[in-house]
């Protein structure tokens, strides 16, 4: 079954956001993304930078796949949803450790941010047609 025009627009928009975030990991937001590396991971600066860079590369790949790999859109949507689940501990760490980044400079702002992760997960799944009865691609 095909996805609707609205789903396709939102899929491409989410893919664009992922591309921008991935590029940010590698360039202009690299320091900000360091704030989201969970503090229970090794506190070695080289390792933390590797986490930021590698997650940025994954975001770029997933963003491109969301936009262009339409024949596998359901698998890509599931992969992106899993990615959002896997990076969620970084958001929790930012909240529990009171780390400022991306304008999240209060506990309330960091707490509110946590509630957007399920929205991203649902967006990835819905926009790629995962919730359709017939999951043919």
C-alpha atoms as a PDB file:
ATOM      1  CA  UNK A   1       0.000   0.000   0.000  1.00  0.00           C
ATOM      2  CA  UNK A   2       1.095   3.500  -0.733  1.00  0.00           C
ATOM      3  CA  UNK A   3       1.546   6.221   1.834  1.00  0.00           C
ATOM      4  CA  UNK A   4      -0.414   9.433   1.482  1.00  0.00           C
ATOM      5  CA  UNK A   5       0.987  12.675   0.136  1.00  0.00           C
ATOM      6  CA  UNK A   6       0.909  14.089   3.684  1.00  0.00           C
ATOM      7  CA  UNK A   7       2.848  11.086   5.023  1.00  0.00           C
ATOM      8  CA  UNK A   8       5.394  11.454   2.234  1.00  0.00           C
ATOM      9  CA  UNK A   9       5.850  15.154   2.963  1.00  0.00           C
ATOM     10  CA  UNK A  10       6.376  14.456   6.661  1.00  0.00           C
ATOM     11  CA  UNK A  11       8.728  11.547   5.875  1.00  0.00           C
ATOM     12  CA  UNK A  12      10.860  13.811   3.686  1.00  0.00           C
ATOM     13  CA  UNK A  13      10.736  16.580   6.292  1.00  0.00           C
ATOM     14  CA  UNK A  14      11.886  14.186   9.013  1.00  0.00           C
ATOM     15  CA  UNK A  15      14.632  12.942   6.700  1.00  0.00           C
ATOM     16  CA  UNK A  16      15.731  16.548   6.172  1.00  0.00           C
ATOM     17  CA  UNK A  17      15.804  17.144   9.922  1.00  0.00           C
ATOM     18  CA  UNK A  18      17.925  14.015  10.325  1.00  0.00           C
ATOM     19  CA  UNK A  19      20.341  15.217   7.644  1.00  0.00           C
ATOM     20  CA  UNK A  20      20.657  18.601   9.339  1.00  0.00           C
ATOM     21  CA  UNK A  21      21.177  17.006  12.748  1.00  0.00           C
ATOM     22  CA  UNK A  22      23.776  14.621  11.330  1.00  0.00           C
ATOM     23  CA  UNK A  23      25.676  17.455   9.702  1.00  0.00           C
ATOM     24  CA  UNK A  24      25.428  19.346  12.995  1.00  0.00           C
ATOM     25  CA  UNK A  25      27.025  16.385  14.784  1.00  0.00           C
ATOM     26  CA  UNK A  26      30.010  16.648  12.481  1.00  0.00           C
ATOM     27  CA  UNK A  27      30.314  20.447  12.345  1.00  0.00           C
ATOM     28  CA  UNK A  28      28.536  23.415  13.906  1.00  0.00           C
ATOM     29  CA  UNK A  29      26.716  21.636  16.786  1.00  0.00           C
ATOM     30  CA  UNK A  30      29.384  19.146  17.766  1.00  0.00           C
ATOM     31  CA  UNK A  31      29.899  20.634  21.234  1.00  0.00           C
ATOM     32  CA  UNK A  32      26.156  20.761  21.866  1.00  0.00           C
ATOM     33  CA  UNK A  33      25.788  17.083  20.992  1.00  0.00           C
ATOM     34  CA  UNK A  34      28.565  16.192  23.445  1.00  0.00           C
ATOM     35  CA  UNK A  35      26.105  17.222  26.180  1.00  0.00           C
ATOM     36  CA  UNK A  36      23.868  14.332  25.190  1.00  0.00           C
ATOM     37  CA  UNK A  37      26.473  11.604  25.468  1.00  0.00           C
ATOM     38  CA  UNK A  38      25.340   9.615  28.517  1.00  0.00           C
ATOM     39  CA  UNK A  39      27.541  10.230  31.537  1.00  0.00           C
ATOM     40  CA  UNK A  40      27.619   6.521  32.355  1.00  0.00           C
ATOM     41  CA  UNK A  41      29.751   5.965  29.249  1.00  0.00           C
ATOM     42  CA  UNK A  42      33.532   6.454  29.512  1.00  0.00           C
ATOM     43  CA  UNK A  43      34.328  10.124  30.114  1.00  0.00           C
ATOM     44  CA  UNK A  44      37.240  10.078  27.701  1.00  0.00           C
ATOM     45  CA  UNK A  45      36.999  13.124  25.375  1.00  0.00           C
ATOM     46  CA  UNK A  46      38.133  11.109  22.344  1.00  0.00           C
ATOM     47  CA  UNK A  47      35.544   8.410  22.993  1.00  0.00           C
ATOM     48  CA  UNK A  48      32.781  10.963  23.596  1.00  0.00           C
ATOM     49  CA  UNK A  49      33.663  12.709  20.330  1.00  0.00           C
ATOM     50  CA  UNK A  50      33.579   9.340  18.560  1.00  0.00           C
ATOM     51  CA  UNK A  51      30.040   8.770  19.895  1.00  0.00           C
ATOM     52  CA  UNK A  52      28.962  12.172  18.545  1.00  0.00           C
ATOM     53  CA  UNK A  53      30.592  11.643  15.149  1.00  0.00           C
ATOM     54  CA  UNK A  54      29.345   8.078  14.695  1.00  0.00           C
ATOM     55  CA  UNK A  55      25.788   8.969  15.674  1.00  0.00           C
ATOM     56  CA  UNK A  56      25.974  11.872  13.231  1.00  0.00           C
ATOM     57  CA  UNK A  57      27.002   9.541  10.419  1.00  0.00           C
ATOM     58  CA  UNK A  58      24.100   7.230  11.288  1.00  0.00           C
ATOM     59  CA  UNK A  59      21.714  10.214  11.270  1.00  0.00           C
ATOM     60  CA  UNK A  60      22.919  11.267   7.824  1.00  0.00           C
ATOM     61  CA  UNK A  61      22.454   7.733   6.479  1.00  0.00           C
ATOM     62  CA  UNK A  62      18.983   7.444   8.015  1.00  0.00           C
ATOM     63  CA  UNK A  63      18.034  10.909   6.771  1.00  0.00           C
ATOM     64  CA  UNK A  64      19.060  10.081   3.220  1.00  0.00           C
ATOM     65  CA  UNK A  65      17.273   6.739   3.438  1.00  0.00           C
ATOM     66  CA  UNK A  66      14.075   8.422   4.678  1.00  0.00           C
ATOM     67  CA  UNK A  67      14.128  10.730   1.680  1.00  0.00           C
ATOM     68  CA  UNK A  68      15.365   8.495  -1.121  1.00  0.00           C
ATOM     69  CA  UNK A  69      15.015   4.798  -0.261  1.00  0.00           C
ATOM     70  CA  UNK A  70      11.268   4.685  -0.749  1.00  0.00           C
ATOM     71  CA  UNK A  71      11.119   0.998  -1.696  1.00  0.00           C
ATOM     72  CA  UNK A  72      12.340   0.159   1.811  1.00  0.00           C
ATOM     73  CA  UNK A  73      10.501   2.955   3.622  1.00  0.00           C
ATOM     74  CA  UNK A  74       8.928   0.666   6.236  1.00  0.00           C
ATOM     75  CA  UNK A  75      12.278  -0.879   7.173  1.00  0.00           C
ATOM     76  CA  UNK A  76      13.872   2.571   7.236  1.00  0.00           C
ATOM     77  CA  UNK A  77      11.069   3.886   9.453  1.00  0.00           C
ATOM     78  CA  UNK A  78      11.577   1.022  11.877  1.00  0.00           C
ATOM     79  CA  UNK A  79      15.356   1.556  11.844  1.00  0.00           C
ATOM     80  CA  UNK A  80      14.899   5.270  12.585  1.00  0.00           C
ATOM     81  CA  UNK A  81      12.471   4.506  15.409  1.00  0.00           C
ATOM     82  CA  UNK A  82      15.009   2.088  16.901  1.00  0.00           C
ATOM     83  CA  UNK A  83      17.702   4.752  16.571  1.00  0.00           C
ATOM     84  CA  UNK A  84      15.506   7.198  18.505  1.00  0.00           C
ATOM     85  CA  UNK A  85      15.079   4.599  21.247  1.00  0.00           C
ATOM     86  CA  UNK A  86      18.835   3.967  21.364  1.00  0.00           C
ATOM     87  CA  UNK A  87      19.758   7.656  21.725  1.00  0.00           C
ATOM     88  CA  UNK A  88      17.075   8.351  24.337  1.00  0.00           C
ATOM     89  CA  UNK A  89      19.430   7.543  27.262  1.00  0.00           C
ATOM     90  CA  UNK A  90      21.479  10.569  26.156  1.00  0.00           C
ATOM     91  CA  UNK A  91      18.434  12.793  26.603  1.00  0.00           C
ATOM     92  CA  UNK A  92      17.762  11.243  30.006  1.00  0.00           C
ATOM     93  CA  UNK A  93      21.398  11.803  30.973  1.00  0.00           C
ATOM     94  CA  UNK A  94      21.193  15.444  29.918  1.00  0.00           C
ATOM     95  CA  UNK A  95      18.122  15.854  32.131  1.00  0.00           C
ATOM     96  CA  UNK A  96      19.364  13.944  35.180  1.00  0.00           C
ATOM     97  CA  UNK A  97      22.774  15.621  35.113  1.00  0.00           C
ATOM     98  CA  UNK A  98      21.404  19.114  34.452  1.00  0.00           C
ATOM     99  CA  UNK A  99      23.533  19.682  31.357  1.00  0.00           C
ATOM    100  CA  UNK A 100      22.752  22.777  29.297  1.00  0.00           C
ATOM    101  CA  UNK A 101      22.693  22.407  25.501  1.00  0.00           C
ATOM    102  CA  UNK A 102      20.434  23.366  22.609  1.00  0.00           C
ATOM    103  CA  UNK A 103      18.765  26.047  24.733  1.00  0.00           C
ATOM    104  CA  UNK A 104      17.716  23.454  27.292  1.00  0.00           C
ATOM    105  CA  UNK A 105      19.007  25.451  30.227  1.00  0.00           C
ATOM    106  CA  UNK A 106      16.486  24.530  32.926  1.00  0.00           C
ATOM    107  CA  UNK A 107      15.338  21.236  34.388  1.00  0.00           C
ATOM    108  CA  UNK A 108      11.817  21.934  33.128  1.00  0.00           C
ATOM    109  CA  UNK A 109      12.987  22.448  29.536  1.00  0.00           C
ATOM    110  CA  UNK A 110      15.096  19.291  29.692  1.00  0.00           C
ATOM    111  CA  UNK A 111      12.134  17.357  31.125  1.00  0.00           C
ATOM    112  CA  UNK A 112       9.763  18.593  28.424  1.00  0.00           C
ATOM    113  CA  UNK A 113      12.316  17.528  25.794  1.00  0.00           C
ATOM    114  CA  UNK A 114      12.016  13.939  26.998  1.00  0.00           C
ATOM    115  CA  UNK A 115       8.361  13.841  25.935  1.00  0.00           C
ATOM    116  CA  UNK A 116       9.269  14.670  22.326  1.00  0.00           C
ATOM    117  CA  UNK A 117      11.178  11.415  21.794  1.00  0.00           C
ATOM    118  CA  UNK A 118       7.987   9.309  21.570  1.00  0.00           C
ATOM    119  CA  UNK A 119       6.650  11.867  19.072  1.00  0.00           C
ATOM    120  CA  UNK A 120       9.730  11.345  16.881  1.00  0.00           C
ATOM    121  CA  UNK A 121       9.350   7.574  17.136  1.00  0.00           C
ATOM    122  CA  UNK A 122       5.695   7.732  16.097  1.00  0.00           C
ATOM    123  CA  UNK A 123       6.522  10.225  13.320  1.00  0.00           C
ATOM    124  CA  UNK A 124       9.135   7.865  11.861  1.00  0.00           C
ATOM    125  CA  UNK A 125       6.776   4.897  11.984  1.00  0.00           C
ATOM    126  CA  UNK A 126       3.624   6.661  10.767  1.00  0.00           C
ATOM    127  CA  UNK A 127       5.230   8.625   7.944  1.00  0.00           C
ATOM    128  CA  UNK A 128       6.750   5.473   6.473  1.00  0.00           C
ATOM    129  CA  UNK A 129       3.522   3.487   6.601  1.00  0.00           C
ATOM    130  CA  UNK A 130       4.471   1.044   9.337  1.00  0.00           C
ATOM    131  CA  UNK A 131       0.980   1.208  10.848  1.00  0.00           C
ATOM    132  CA  UNK A 132      -0.783   0.210   7.607  1.00  0.00           C
ATOM    133  CA  UNK A 133      -2.731  -3.064   7.580  1.00  0.00           C
ATOM    134  CA  UNK A 134      -1.007  -4.302   4.420  1.00  0.00           C
ATOM    135  CA  UNK A 135       2.677  -3.688   4.882  1.00  0.00           C
ATOM    136  CA  UNK A 136       3.669  -4.218   1.294  1.00  0.00           C
ATOM    137  CA  UNK A 137       6.242  -1.863  -0.004  1.00  0.00           C
END
